Amino acid sequence: MANTKNSQAAKIRQQIITWLQDDQTSEVVSEEMFPGIRGIRAVKLREMLGKLGYVQSVVMGAVSAAPSIDPRIKKAAVKPREVYYYFDVNTPAPAKIQRQAQRAATADPATTATTPQATHLKTTGLPGLSGTAAFKQVLAANAQLTTAVDGLLTAAQNERPLTELELNFLTELATKLAQQTESLQNFTAQSRIDQLRRL
């Protein structure tokens, strides 16, 4: 079931936590500024997630939102453009995050992350709004936008260094798109469940 607890963002957060706790993938951030802290630079983290098959727009949004959703994931800024993520073992995980991690750990990210999720949602035969041609158009438009934003992020890599305004814009755009995609997934999944209840 595609919902918040089993979303790509939840899988990405769990993967980030796994890497941050692994001494093979994490590194010393800065003994002078952050003694004893090991983490992964944000740029490298996004590259690692991209290699797993996640769409860049989803990665940008999920990585940026991770610290606000899971308080154990924290940021350490060595320089304005050198930000690391690290895992704080002293911060307890909320019960909701624990449930997300359990479900995300059983899923294979490569099977769903290479193309926009909304294009794979089954809406045929669903009653109400989710079964309309208009809703299918929204799904198609979301998939096109995801591809376009992914292309924008690729173009941005060739334009580096980017200004703070550009970085903030890309982060906000990718985050909003990830939320929109998740909203479409949730609505379609709940519509299918509602249909099952009526049968």
N, C-alpha and C. Protein backbone atom coordinates (compact mmCIF):
# COMPACT_ATOMS: atom_id res chain seq x y z
N MET A 1 0.84 -1.18 0.00
CA MET A 1 0.00 0.00 0.00
C MET A 1 0.88 1.24 0.00
N ALA A 2 0.60 2.13 -0.94
CA ALA A 2 1.41 3.33 -1.04
C ALA A 2 0.86 4.39 -0.12
N ASN A 3 1.43 4.52 1.06
CA ASN A 3 1.04 5.58 1.97
C ASN A 3 2.30 6.16 2.59
N THR A 4 2.11 7.09 3.53
CA THR A 4 3.25 7.79 4.11
C THR A 4 4.26 6.84 4.72
N LYS A 5 3.75 5.77 5.35
CA LYS A 5 4.64 4.87 6.06
C LYS A 5 5.44 3.98 5.11
N ASN A 6 5.00 3.88 3.87
CA ASN A 6 5.68 3.00 2.93
C ASN A 6 6.07 3.77 1.67
N SER A 7 6.35 5.04 1.83
CA SER A 7 6.70 5.89 0.70
C SER A 7 8.18 5.80 0.40
N GLN A 8 8.54 6.32 -0.77
CA GLN A 8 9.96 6.37 -1.13
C GLN A 8 10.73 7.21 -0.13
N ALA A 9 10.11 8.29 0.36
CA ALA A 9 10.79 9.15 1.33
C ALA A 9 11.15 8.37 2.59
N ALA A 10 10.25 7.51 3.04
CA ALA A 10 10.53 6.70 4.23
C ALA A 10 11.66 5.72 3.96
N LYS A 11 11.68 5.14 2.77
CA LYS A 11 12.76 4.22 2.40
C LYS A 11 14.09 4.95 2.34
N ILE A 12 14.05 6.16 1.77
CA ILE A 12 15.27 6.95 1.66
C ILE A 12 15.80 7.30 3.05
N ARG A 13 14.91 7.71 3.94
CA ARG A 13 15.35 8.05 5.31
C ARG A 13 15.98 6.85 5.99
N GLN A 14 15.38 5.68 5.81
CA GLN A 14 15.94 4.48 6.43
C GLN A 14 17.31 4.14 5.84
N GLN A 15 17.45 4.33 4.53
CA GLN A 15 18.75 4.07 3.89
C GLN A 15 19.80 5.05 4.39
N ILE A 16 19.41 6.32 4.54
CA ILE A 16 20.33 7.33 5.06
C ILE A 16 20.81 6.94 6.45
N ILE A 17 19.88 6.53 7.31
CA ILE A 17 20.23 6.14 8.68
C ILE A 17 21.20 4.97 8.66
N THR A 18 20.94 3.99 7.79
CA THR A 18 21.82 2.82 7.69
C THR A 18 23.24 3.24 7.30
N TRP A 19 23.34 4.10 6.29
CA TRP A 19 24.66 4.57 5.87
C TRP A 19 25.36 5.39 6.93
N LEU A 20 24.61 6.27 7.61
CA LEU A 20 25.22 7.14 8.61
C LEU A 20 25.77 6.37 9.79
N GLN A 21 25.21 5.19 10.06
CA GLN A 21 25.68 4.37 11.18
C GLN A 21 26.79 3.40 10.77
N ASP A 22 27.13 3.39 9.50
CA ASP A 22 28.14 2.48 8.97
C ASP A 22 29.48 3.22 8.84
N ASP A 23 30.49 2.77 9.55
CA ASP A 23 31.80 3.41 9.49
C ASP A 23 32.45 3.29 8.11
N GLN A 24 31.96 2.35 7.30
CA GLN A 24 32.52 2.18 5.96
C GLN A 24 32.03 3.28 5.01
N THR A 25 30.85 3.80 5.25
CA THR A 25 30.31 4.84 4.36
C THR A 25 30.40 6.24 4.97
N SER A 26 30.39 6.34 6.29
CA SER A 26 30.49 7.65 6.93
C SER A 26 31.95 8.02 7.13
N GLU A 27 32.19 9.30 7.39
CA GLU A 27 33.55 9.79 7.60
C GLU A 27 33.55 10.85 8.69
N VAL A 28 34.73 11.15 9.20
CA VAL A 28 34.86 12.19 10.22
C VAL A 28 34.49 13.53 9.58
N VAL A 29 33.56 14.24 10.20
CA VAL A 29 33.09 15.51 9.66
C VAL A 29 34.14 16.59 9.83
N SER A 30 34.50 16.87 11.08
CA SER A 30 35.52 17.87 11.38
C SER A 30 35.88 17.75 12.85
N GLU A 31 37.09 17.29 13.13
CA GLU A 31 37.50 17.12 14.53
C GLU A 31 37.53 18.45 15.27
N GLU A 32 37.80 19.54 14.55
CA GLU A 32 37.87 20.86 15.19
C GLU A 32 36.47 21.38 15.52
N MET A 33 35.57 21.33 14.54
CA MET A 33 34.24 21.90 14.72
C MET A 33 33.23 20.93 15.32
N PHE A 34 33.33 19.65 14.93
CA PHE A 34 32.38 18.63 15.40
C PHE A 34 33.13 17.39 15.86
N PRO A 35 33.83 17.48 16.98
CA PRO A 35 34.61 16.34 17.46
C PRO A 35 33.76 15.11 17.72
N GLY A 36 34.24 13.97 17.22
CA GLY A 36 33.55 12.71 17.45
C GLY A 36 32.36 12.45 16.54
N ILE A 37 32.08 13.37 15.63
CA ILE A 37 30.93 13.22 14.74
C ILE A 37 31.37 12.63 13.41
N ARG A 38 30.68 11.56 13.00
CA ARG A 38 30.90 10.96 11.69
C ARG A 38 29.64 11.13 10.86
N GLY A 39 29.80 11.47 9.59
CA GLY A 39 28.63 11.67 8.75
C GLY A 39 28.96 11.52 7.28
N ILE A 40 28.03 11.93 6.45
CA ILE A 40 28.20 11.86 5.00
C ILE A 40 27.82 13.21 4.43
N ARG A 41 28.66 13.73 3.54
CA ARG A 41 28.38 15.02 2.94
C ARG A 41 27.09 14.94 2.11
N ALA A 42 26.30 15.99 2.14
CA ALA A 42 24.99 16.01 1.48
C ALA A 42 25.10 15.66 -0.01
N VAL A 43 26.09 16.23 -0.68
CA VAL A 43 26.26 15.98 -2.12
C VAL A 43 26.51 14.50 -2.38
N LYS A 44 27.39 13.92 -1.58
CA LYS A 44 27.71 12.50 -1.74
C LYS A 44 26.50 11.63 -1.43
N LEU A 45 25.74 12.03 -0.41
CA LEU A 45 24.56 11.28 -0.01
C LEU A 45 23.55 11.21 -1.15
N ARG A 46 23.33 12.35 -1.82
CA ARG A 46 22.39 12.37 -2.95
C ARG A 46 22.90 11.51 -4.10
N GLU A 47 24.21 11.52 -4.33
CA GLU A 47 24.79 10.69 -5.40
C GLU A 47 24.59 9.21 -5.08
N MET A 48 24.81 8.83 -3.83
CA MET A 48 24.66 7.43 -3.42
C MET A 48 23.21 6.96 -3.61
N LEU A 49 22.26 7.82 -3.26
CA LEU A 49 20.85 7.47 -3.42
C LEU A 49 20.48 7.38 -4.89
N GLY A 50 21.06 8.27 -5.70
CA GLY A 50 20.82 8.23 -7.14
C GLY A 50 21.28 6.92 -7.75
N LYS A 51 22.39 6.39 -7.24
CA LYS A 51 22.91 5.12 -7.76
C LYS A 51 22.00 3.95 -7.43
N LEU A 52 21.14 4.13 -6.41
CA LEU A 52 20.18 3.07 -6.07
C LEU A 52 18.97 3.10 -6.98
N GLY A 53 18.88 4.14 -7.83
CA GLY A 53 17.78 4.21 -8.78
C GLY A 53 16.71 5.22 -8.45
N TYR A 54 16.89 5.97 -7.36
CA TYR A 54 15.90 6.97 -7.00
C TYR A 54 15.98 8.17 -7.94
N VAL A 55 14.81 8.71 -8.30
CA VAL A 55 14.74 9.91 -9.13
C VAL A 55 15.28 11.09 -8.33
N GLN A 56 16.09 11.94 -8.98
CA GLN A 56 16.76 13.03 -8.28
C GLN A 56 15.79 13.97 -7.57
N SER A 57 14.66 14.24 -8.19
CA SER A 57 13.69 15.15 -7.57
C SER A 57 13.17 14.57 -6.25
N VAL A 58 12.98 13.26 -6.21
CA VAL A 58 12.53 12.60 -4.99
C VAL A 58 13.64 12.63 -3.94
N VAL A 59 14.88 12.39 -4.39
CA VAL A 59 16.03 12.40 -3.49
C VAL A 59 16.20 13.77 -2.84
N MET A 60 16.16 14.83 -3.65
CA MET A 60 16.34 16.18 -3.13
C MET A 60 15.32 16.49 -2.05
N GLY A 61 14.07 16.19 -2.33
CA GLY A 61 13.02 16.48 -1.36
C GLY A 61 13.14 15.65 -0.10
N ALA A 62 13.40 14.37 -0.26
CA ALA A 62 13.47 13.47 0.90
C ALA A 62 14.67 13.77 1.78
N VAL A 63 15.81 14.03 1.16
CA VAL A 63 17.03 14.33 1.93
C VAL A 63 16.87 15.65 2.69
N SER A 64 16.33 16.66 2.02
CA SER A 64 16.16 17.96 2.66
C SER A 64 15.19 17.90 3.83
N ALA A 65 14.14 17.08 3.69
CA ALA A 65 13.12 17.00 4.73
C ALA A 65 13.48 16.02 5.85
N ALA A 66 14.46 15.16 5.62
CA ALA A 66 14.78 14.08 6.57
C ALA A 66 15.00 14.57 8.00
N PRO A 67 15.81 15.61 8.25
CA PRO A 67 16.04 16.02 9.65
C PRO A 67 14.79 16.51 10.36
N SER A 68 13.85 17.12 9.62
CA SER A 68 12.64 17.62 10.26
C SER A 68 11.65 16.49 10.55
N ILE A 69 11.76 15.39 9.82
CA ILE A 69 10.84 14.26 10.01
C ILE A 69 11.40 13.27 11.03
N ASP A 70 12.70 13.00 10.94
CA ASP A 70 13.35 12.09 11.89
C ASP A 70 14.40 12.89 12.65
N PRO A 71 14.16 13.22 13.92
CA PRO A 71 15.08 14.06 14.70
C PRO A 71 16.45 13.45 14.94
N ARG A 72 16.60 12.17 14.65
CA ARG A 72 17.91 11.54 14.83
C ARG A 72 18.88 11.91 13.72
N ILE A 73 18.35 12.35 12.57
CA ILE A 73 19.18 12.77 11.45
C ILE A 73 19.45 14.27 11.61
N LYS A 74 20.70 14.63 11.74
CA LYS A 74 21.06 16.03 11.98
C LYS A 74 22.05 16.52 10.94
N LYS A 75 22.14 17.85 10.83
CA LYS A 75 23.06 18.48 9.88
C LYS A 75 24.22 19.11 10.62
N ALA A 76 25.38 19.08 9.97
CA ALA A 76 26.57 19.76 10.48
C ALA A 76 27.19 20.52 9.32
N ALA A 77 27.20 21.84 9.42
CA ALA A 77 27.73 22.67 8.33
C ALA A 77 29.17 23.07 8.64
N VAL A 78 30.11 22.45 7.93
CA VAL A 78 31.52 22.80 8.07
C VAL A 78 31.77 24.14 7.38
N LYS A 79 31.17 24.29 6.20
CA LYS A 79 31.19 25.53 5.43
C LYS A 79 29.79 25.71 4.87
N PRO A 80 29.45 26.91 4.37
CA PRO A 80 28.12 27.11 3.81
C PRO A 80 27.74 26.10 2.73
N ARG A 81 28.70 25.66 1.92
CA ARG A 81 28.41 24.69 0.87
C ARG A 81 28.98 23.30 1.17
N GLU A 82 29.33 23.09 2.41
CA GLU A 82 29.84 21.78 2.82
C GLU A 82 29.06 21.32 4.04
N VAL A 83 27.89 20.74 3.74
CA VAL A 83 26.98 20.29 4.80
C VAL A 83 27.01 18.77 4.88
N TYR A 84 27.11 18.28 6.10
CA TYR A 84 27.11 16.84 6.34
C TYR A 84 25.84 16.46 7.10
N TYR A 85 25.41 15.23 6.88
CA TYR A 85 24.33 14.66 7.68
C TYR A 85 24.96 13.63 8.61
N TYR A 86 24.48 13.59 9.85
CA TYR A 86 24.98 12.58 10.78
C TYR A 86 23.83 12.04 11.62
N PHE A 87 24.07 10.90 12.24
CA PHE A 87 23.04 10.23 13.03
C PHE A 87 23.35 10.41 14.50
N ASP A 88 22.37 10.95 15.25
CA ASP A 88 22.53 11.18 16.68
C ASP A 88 21.91 10.02 17.45
N VAL A 89 22.76 9.17 17.99
CA VAL A 89 22.27 7.98 18.71
C VAL A 89 21.58 8.34 20.02
N ASN A 90 21.82 9.55 20.52
CA ASN A 90 21.23 9.95 21.80
C ASN A 90 19.81 10.49 21.66
N THR A 91 19.35 10.67 20.42
CA THR A 91 17.99 11.15 20.19
C THR A 91 17.08 9.97 19.95
N PRO A 92 16.03 9.81 20.74
CA PRO A 92 15.12 8.67 20.56
C PRO A 92 14.28 8.82 19.29
N ALA A 93 13.98 7.70 18.68
CA ALA A 93 13.14 7.71 17.47
C ALA A 93 11.67 7.70 17.87
N PRO A 94 10.87 8.59 17.29
CA PRO A 94 9.43 8.56 17.57
C PRO A 94 8.83 7.23 17.14
N ALA A 95 7.76 6.82 17.78
CA ALA A 95 7.12 5.54 17.46
C ALA A 95 6.74 5.46 15.99
N LYS A 96 6.27 6.58 15.42
CA LYS A 96 5.86 6.60 14.02
C LYS A 96 7.05 6.30 13.11
N ILE A 97 8.20 6.87 13.43
CA ILE A 97 9.40 6.64 12.63
C ILE A 97 9.84 5.20 12.73
N GLN A 98 9.70 4.61 13.91
CA GLN A 98 10.08 3.20 14.08
C GLN A 98 9.23 2.31 13.18
N ARG A 99 7.94 2.60 13.09
CA ARG A 99 7.06 1.80 12.24
C ARG A 99 7.42 2.00 10.77
N GLN A 100 7.76 3.24 10.39
CA GLN A 100 8.17 3.51 9.01
C GLN A 100 9.42 2.72 8.66
N ALA A 101 10.36 2.71 9.56
CA ALA A 101 11.63 2.02 9.31
C ALA A 101 11.42 0.53 9.11
N GLN A 102 10.52 -0.06 9.92
CA GLN A 102 10.25 -1.49 9.81
C GLN A 102 9.65 -1.84 8.46
N ARG A 103 8.72 -1.00 7.98
CA ARG A 103 8.09 -1.27 6.69
C ARG A 103 9.04 -0.99 5.53
N ALA A 104 9.81 0.09 5.65
CA ALA A 104 10.73 0.46 4.57
C ALA A 104 11.83 -0.57 4.39
N ALA A 105 12.25 -1.19 5.48
CA ALA A 105 13.34 -2.15 5.41
C ALA A 105 12.97 -3.40 4.62
N THR A 106 11.68 -3.68 4.49
CA THR A 106 11.23 -4.87 3.77
C THR A 106 11.00 -4.62 2.29
N ALA A 107 11.13 -3.37 1.85
CA ALA A 107 10.86 -3.03 0.45
C ALA A 107 12.15 -2.85 -0.32
N ASP A 108 12.07 -3.08 -1.63
CA ASP A 108 13.22 -2.93 -2.51
C ASP A 108 13.09 -1.61 -3.26
N PRO A 109 13.95 -0.60 -2.95
CA PRO A 109 13.80 0.71 -3.59
C PRO A 109 13.99 0.69 -5.09
N ALA A 110 14.81 -0.20 -5.58
CA ALA A 110 15.13 -0.22 -7.01
C ALA A 110 13.92 -0.62 -7.87
N THR A 111 12.94 -1.29 -7.25
CA THR A 111 11.80 -1.75 -8.04
C THR A 111 10.80 -0.65 -8.31
N THR A 112 10.86 0.45 -7.54
CA THR A 112 9.87 1.50 -7.71
C THR A 112 10.44 2.87 -7.98
N ALA A 113 11.75 3.04 -7.87
CA ALA A 113 12.29 4.39 -7.88
C ALA A 113 12.79 4.88 -9.22
N THR A 114 12.86 4.04 -10.23
CA THR A 114 13.47 4.47 -11.48
C THR A 114 12.54 5.33 -12.33
N THR A 115 11.22 5.24 -12.09
CA THR A 115 10.28 6.06 -12.83
C THR A 115 9.30 6.68 -11.86
N PRO A 116 8.64 7.77 -12.23
CA PRO A 116 7.69 8.42 -11.32
C PRO A 116 6.62 7.44 -10.85
N GLN A 117 6.44 7.39 -9.53
CA GLN A 117 5.50 6.43 -8.95
C GLN A 117 4.07 6.63 -9.46
N ALA A 118 3.67 7.87 -9.65
CA ALA A 118 2.28 8.13 -10.00
C ALA A 118 1.86 7.45 -11.29
N THR A 119 2.82 7.20 -12.19
CA THR A 119 2.47 6.59 -13.47
C THR A 119 2.11 5.12 -13.31
N HIS A 120 2.45 4.51 -12.17
CA HIS A 120 2.19 3.09 -11.97
C HIS A 120 0.93 2.85 -11.14
N LEU A 121 0.29 3.91 -10.71
CA LEU A 121 -0.90 3.74 -9.89
C LEU A 121 -2.06 3.24 -10.73
N LYS A 122 -2.74 2.21 -10.27
CA LYS A 122 -3.86 1.64 -11.01
C LYS A 122 -5.14 2.39 -10.64
N THR A 123 -5.72 3.06 -11.62
CA THR A 123 -6.95 3.81 -11.36
C THR A 123 -8.13 3.25 -12.15
N THR A 124 -7.87 2.31 -13.07
CA THR A 124 -8.94 1.76 -13.88
C THR A 124 -9.97 1.04 -13.02
N GLY A 125 -11.24 1.40 -13.21
CA GLY A 125 -12.31 0.75 -12.48
C GLY A 125 -12.59 1.32 -11.11
N LEU A 126 -11.82 2.32 -10.69
CA LEU A 126 -12.06 2.91 -9.39
C LEU A 126 -13.26 3.86 -9.46
N PRO A 127 -14.09 3.88 -8.42
CA PRO A 127 -15.25 4.78 -8.43
C PRO A 127 -14.85 6.20 -8.03
N GLY A 128 -15.71 7.15 -8.32
CA GLY A 128 -15.48 8.51 -7.86
C GLY A 128 -14.37 9.22 -8.60
N LEU A 129 -13.80 10.20 -7.94
CA LEU A 129 -12.81 11.09 -8.53
C LEU A 129 -11.58 10.37 -9.05
N SER A 130 -11.12 9.35 -8.33
CA SER A 130 -9.89 8.66 -8.70
C SER A 130 -10.01 7.86 -9.99
N GLY A 131 -11.25 7.59 -10.43
CA GLY A 131 -11.44 6.83 -11.65
C GLY A 131 -11.70 7.68 -12.87
N THR A 132 -11.70 8.99 -12.71
CA THR A 132 -12.01 9.89 -13.82
C THR A 132 -10.82 10.11 -14.74
N ALA A 133 -11.14 10.52 -15.96
CA ALA A 133 -10.09 10.85 -16.93
C ALA A 133 -9.28 12.05 -16.45
N ALA A 134 -9.94 12.98 -15.76
CA ALA A 134 -9.26 14.18 -15.26
C ALA A 134 -8.18 13.80 -14.25
N PHE A 135 -8.47 12.82 -13.38
CA PHE A 135 -7.48 12.40 -12.39
C PHE A 135 -6.29 11.73 -13.08
N LYS A 136 -6.58 10.96 -14.13
CA LYS A 136 -5.50 10.34 -14.88
C LYS A 136 -4.62 11.39 -15.53
N GLN A 137 -5.22 12.50 -15.96
CA GLN A 137 -4.45 13.59 -16.54
C GLN A 137 -3.54 14.22 -15.48
N VAL A 138 -4.04 14.33 -14.26
CA VAL A 138 -3.23 14.87 -13.17
C VAL A 138 -2.03 13.96 -12.91
N LEU A 139 -2.28 12.64 -12.91
CA LEU A 139 -1.18 11.69 -12.72
C LEU A 139 -0.13 11.84 -13.83
N ALA A 140 -0.60 11.97 -15.07
CA ALA A 140 0.32 12.11 -16.20
C ALA A 140 1.11 13.42 -16.11
N ALA A 141 0.41 14.49 -15.70
CA ALA A 141 1.07 15.78 -15.57
C ALA A 141 2.12 15.74 -14.46
N ASN A 142 1.80 15.04 -13.37
CA ASN A 142 2.76 14.91 -12.27
C ASN A 142 4.00 14.14 -12.72
N ALA A 143 3.78 13.09 -13.52
CA ALA A 143 4.90 12.31 -14.03
C ALA A 143 5.79 13.16 -14.94
N GLN A 144 5.15 13.99 -15.79
CA GLN A 144 5.91 14.88 -16.68
C GLN A 144 6.69 15.90 -15.87
N LEU A 145 6.06 16.44 -14.83
CA LEU A 145 6.73 17.43 -14.00
C LEU A 145 7.92 16.81 -13.26
N THR A 146 7.75 15.58 -12.81
CA THR A 146 8.85 14.88 -12.14
C THR A 146 10.04 14.73 -13.08
N THR A 147 9.75 14.35 -14.32
CA THR A 147 10.82 14.22 -15.33
C THR A 147 11.47 15.57 -15.60
N ALA A 148 10.65 16.63 -15.69
CA ALA A 148 11.18 17.97 -15.96
C ALA A 148 12.06 18.46 -14.82
N VAL A 149 11.63 18.25 -13.59
CA VAL A 149 12.41 18.67 -12.43
C VAL A 149 13.70 17.88 -12.35
N ASP A 150 13.62 16.59 -12.66
CA ASP A 150 14.82 15.76 -12.70
C ASP A 150 15.82 16.32 -13.71
N GLY A 151 15.31 16.75 -14.88
CA GLY A 151 16.17 17.37 -15.89
C GLY A 151 16.75 18.68 -15.41
N LEU A 152 15.97 19.45 -14.66
CA LEU A 152 16.45 20.72 -14.12
C LEU A 152 17.58 20.49 -13.12
N LEU A 153 17.44 19.48 -12.31
CA LEU A 153 18.49 19.16 -11.33
C LEU A 153 19.77 18.70 -12.03
N THR A 154 19.59 17.95 -13.12
CA THR A 154 20.76 17.52 -13.89
C THR A 154 21.45 18.74 -14.50
N ALA A 155 20.66 19.66 -15.04
CA ALA A 155 21.21 20.88 -15.62
C ALA A 155 21.91 21.71 -14.54
N ALA A 156 21.34 21.72 -13.34
CA ALA A 156 21.93 22.49 -12.24
C ALA A 156 23.31 21.98 -11.86
N GLN A 157 23.52 20.68 -12.01
CA GLN A 157 24.84 20.12 -11.70
C GLN A 157 25.91 20.69 -12.63
N ASN A 158 25.52 20.99 -13.87
CA ASN A 158 26.47 21.55 -14.83
C ASN A 158 26.68 23.05 -14.64
N GLU A 159 25.80 23.67 -13.84
CA GLU A 159 25.88 25.11 -13.61
C GLU A 159 26.56 25.46 -12.29
N ARG A 160 27.02 24.47 -11.57
CA ARG A 160 27.64 24.73 -10.28
C ARG A 160 28.88 25.60 -10.42
N PRO A 161 29.17 26.45 -9.40
CA PRO A 161 28.46 26.60 -8.13
C PRO A 161 27.18 27.41 -8.29
N LEU A 162 26.15 27.02 -7.55
CA LEU A 162 24.86 27.70 -7.60
C LEU A 162 24.76 28.72 -6.46
N THR A 163 23.94 29.73 -6.67
CA THR A 163 23.72 30.72 -5.62
C THR A 163 22.82 30.12 -4.55
N GLU A 164 22.78 30.77 -3.40
CA GLU A 164 21.93 30.30 -2.31
C GLU A 164 20.46 30.35 -2.74
N LEU A 165 20.10 31.36 -3.51
CA LEU A 165 18.73 31.50 -4.01
C LEU A 165 18.36 30.30 -4.89
N GLU A 166 19.28 29.91 -5.78
CA GLU A 166 19.03 28.79 -6.68
C GLU A 166 18.93 27.48 -5.91
N LEU A 167 19.81 27.29 -4.93
CA LEU A 167 19.78 26.07 -4.13
C LEU A 167 18.48 25.97 -3.32
N ASN A 168 18.07 27.09 -2.74
CA ASN A 168 16.82 27.10 -1.98
C ASN A 168 15.62 26.81 -2.87
N PHE A 169 15.64 27.38 -4.09
CA PHE A 169 14.55 27.14 -5.03
C PHE A 169 14.47 25.67 -5.41
N LEU A 170 15.61 25.08 -5.75
CA LEU A 170 15.63 23.67 -6.15
C LEU A 170 15.17 22.77 -5.01
N THR A 171 15.62 23.08 -3.80
CA THR A 171 15.23 22.27 -2.64
C THR A 171 13.73 22.35 -2.39
N GLU A 172 13.19 23.57 -2.44
CA GLU A 172 11.75 23.74 -2.20
C GLU A 172 10.93 23.08 -3.30
N LEU A 173 11.37 23.25 -4.55
CA LEU A 173 10.64 22.66 -5.68
C LEU A 173 10.62 21.14 -5.58
N ALA A 174 11.78 20.55 -5.30
CA ALA A 174 11.87 19.09 -5.21
C ALA A 174 11.06 18.56 -4.03
N THR A 175 11.08 19.30 -2.91
CA THR A 175 10.32 18.88 -1.73
C THR A 175 8.83 18.91 -2.00
N LYS A 176 8.34 20.00 -2.61
CA LYS A 176 6.92 20.13 -2.92
C LYS A 176 6.47 19.06 -3.91
N LEU A 177 7.32 18.76 -4.89
CA LEU A 177 6.97 17.74 -5.88
C LEU A 177 6.88 16.37 -5.23
N ALA A 178 7.82 16.08 -4.33
CA ALA A 178 7.78 14.79 -3.62
C ALA A 178 6.51 14.68 -2.79
N GLN A 179 6.11 15.78 -2.14
CA GLN A 179 4.88 15.78 -1.35
C GLN A 179 3.66 15.58 -2.24
N GLN A 180 3.66 16.23 -3.40
CA GLN A 180 2.54 16.11 -4.34
C GLN A 180 2.41 14.68 -4.84
N THR A 181 3.54 14.07 -5.20
CA THR A 181 3.53 12.69 -5.68
C THR A 181 3.02 11.75 -4.60
N GLU A 182 3.46 11.98 -3.38
CA GLU A 182 3.02 11.14 -2.26
C GLU A 182 1.53 11.30 -2.01
N SER A 183 1.03 12.54 -2.16
CA SER A 183 -0.40 12.79 -1.98
C SER A 183 -1.23 12.03 -3.01
N LEU A 184 -0.76 12.00 -4.25
CA LEU A 184 -1.46 11.25 -5.30
C LEU A 184 -1.43 9.76 -5.01
N GLN A 185 -0.30 9.27 -4.52
CA GLN A 185 -0.19 7.86 -4.18
C GLN A 185 -1.16 7.50 -3.06
N ASN A 186 -1.18 8.35 -2.04
CA ASN A 186 -2.04 8.08 -0.88
C ASN A 186 -3.51 8.07 -1.27
N PHE A 187 -3.91 9.06 -2.07
CA PHE A 187 -5.32 9.16 -2.47
C PHE A 187 -5.74 7.95 -3.29
N THR A 188 -4.90 7.53 -4.23
CA THR A 188 -5.23 6.38 -5.07
C THR A 188 -5.31 5.10 -4.24
N ALA A 189 -4.36 4.94 -3.33
CA ALA A 189 -4.36 3.74 -2.49
C ALA A 189 -5.60 3.70 -1.60
N GLN A 190 -5.94 4.83 -1.00
CA GLN A 190 -7.12 4.87 -0.13
C GLN A 190 -8.40 4.65 -0.92
N SER A 191 -8.44 5.12 -2.16
CA SER A 191 -9.61 4.90 -3.01
C SER A 191 -9.79 3.42 -3.30
N ARG A 192 -8.69 2.74 -3.53
CA ARG A 192 -8.76 1.29 -3.78
C ARG A 192 -9.23 0.54 -2.53
N ILE A 193 -8.76 1.00 -1.38
CA ILE A 193 -9.18 0.37 -0.12
C ILE A 193 -10.66 0.60 0.13
N ASP A 194 -11.12 1.84 -0.14
CA ASP A 194 -12.54 2.14 0.01
C ASP A 194 -13.39 1.27 -0.90
N GLN A 195 -12.89 1.00 -2.11
CA GLN A 195 -13.61 0.16 -3.05
C GLN A 195 -13.72 -1.27 -2.49
N LEU A 196 -12.64 -1.75 -1.86
CA LEU A 196 -12.65 -3.08 -1.27
C LEU A 196 -13.69 -3.18 -0.16
N ARG A 197 -13.84 -2.09 0.59
CA ARG A 197 -14.81 -2.09 1.70
C ARG A 197 -16.25 -2.19 1.17
N ARG A 198 -16.46 -1.67 -0.04
CA ARG A 198 -17.82 -1.66 -0.58
C ARG A 198 -18.18 -3.00 -1.22
N LEU A 199 -17.16 -3.80 -1.56
CA LEU A 199 -17.41 -5.08 -2.23
C LEU A 199 -18.00 -6.11 -1.27
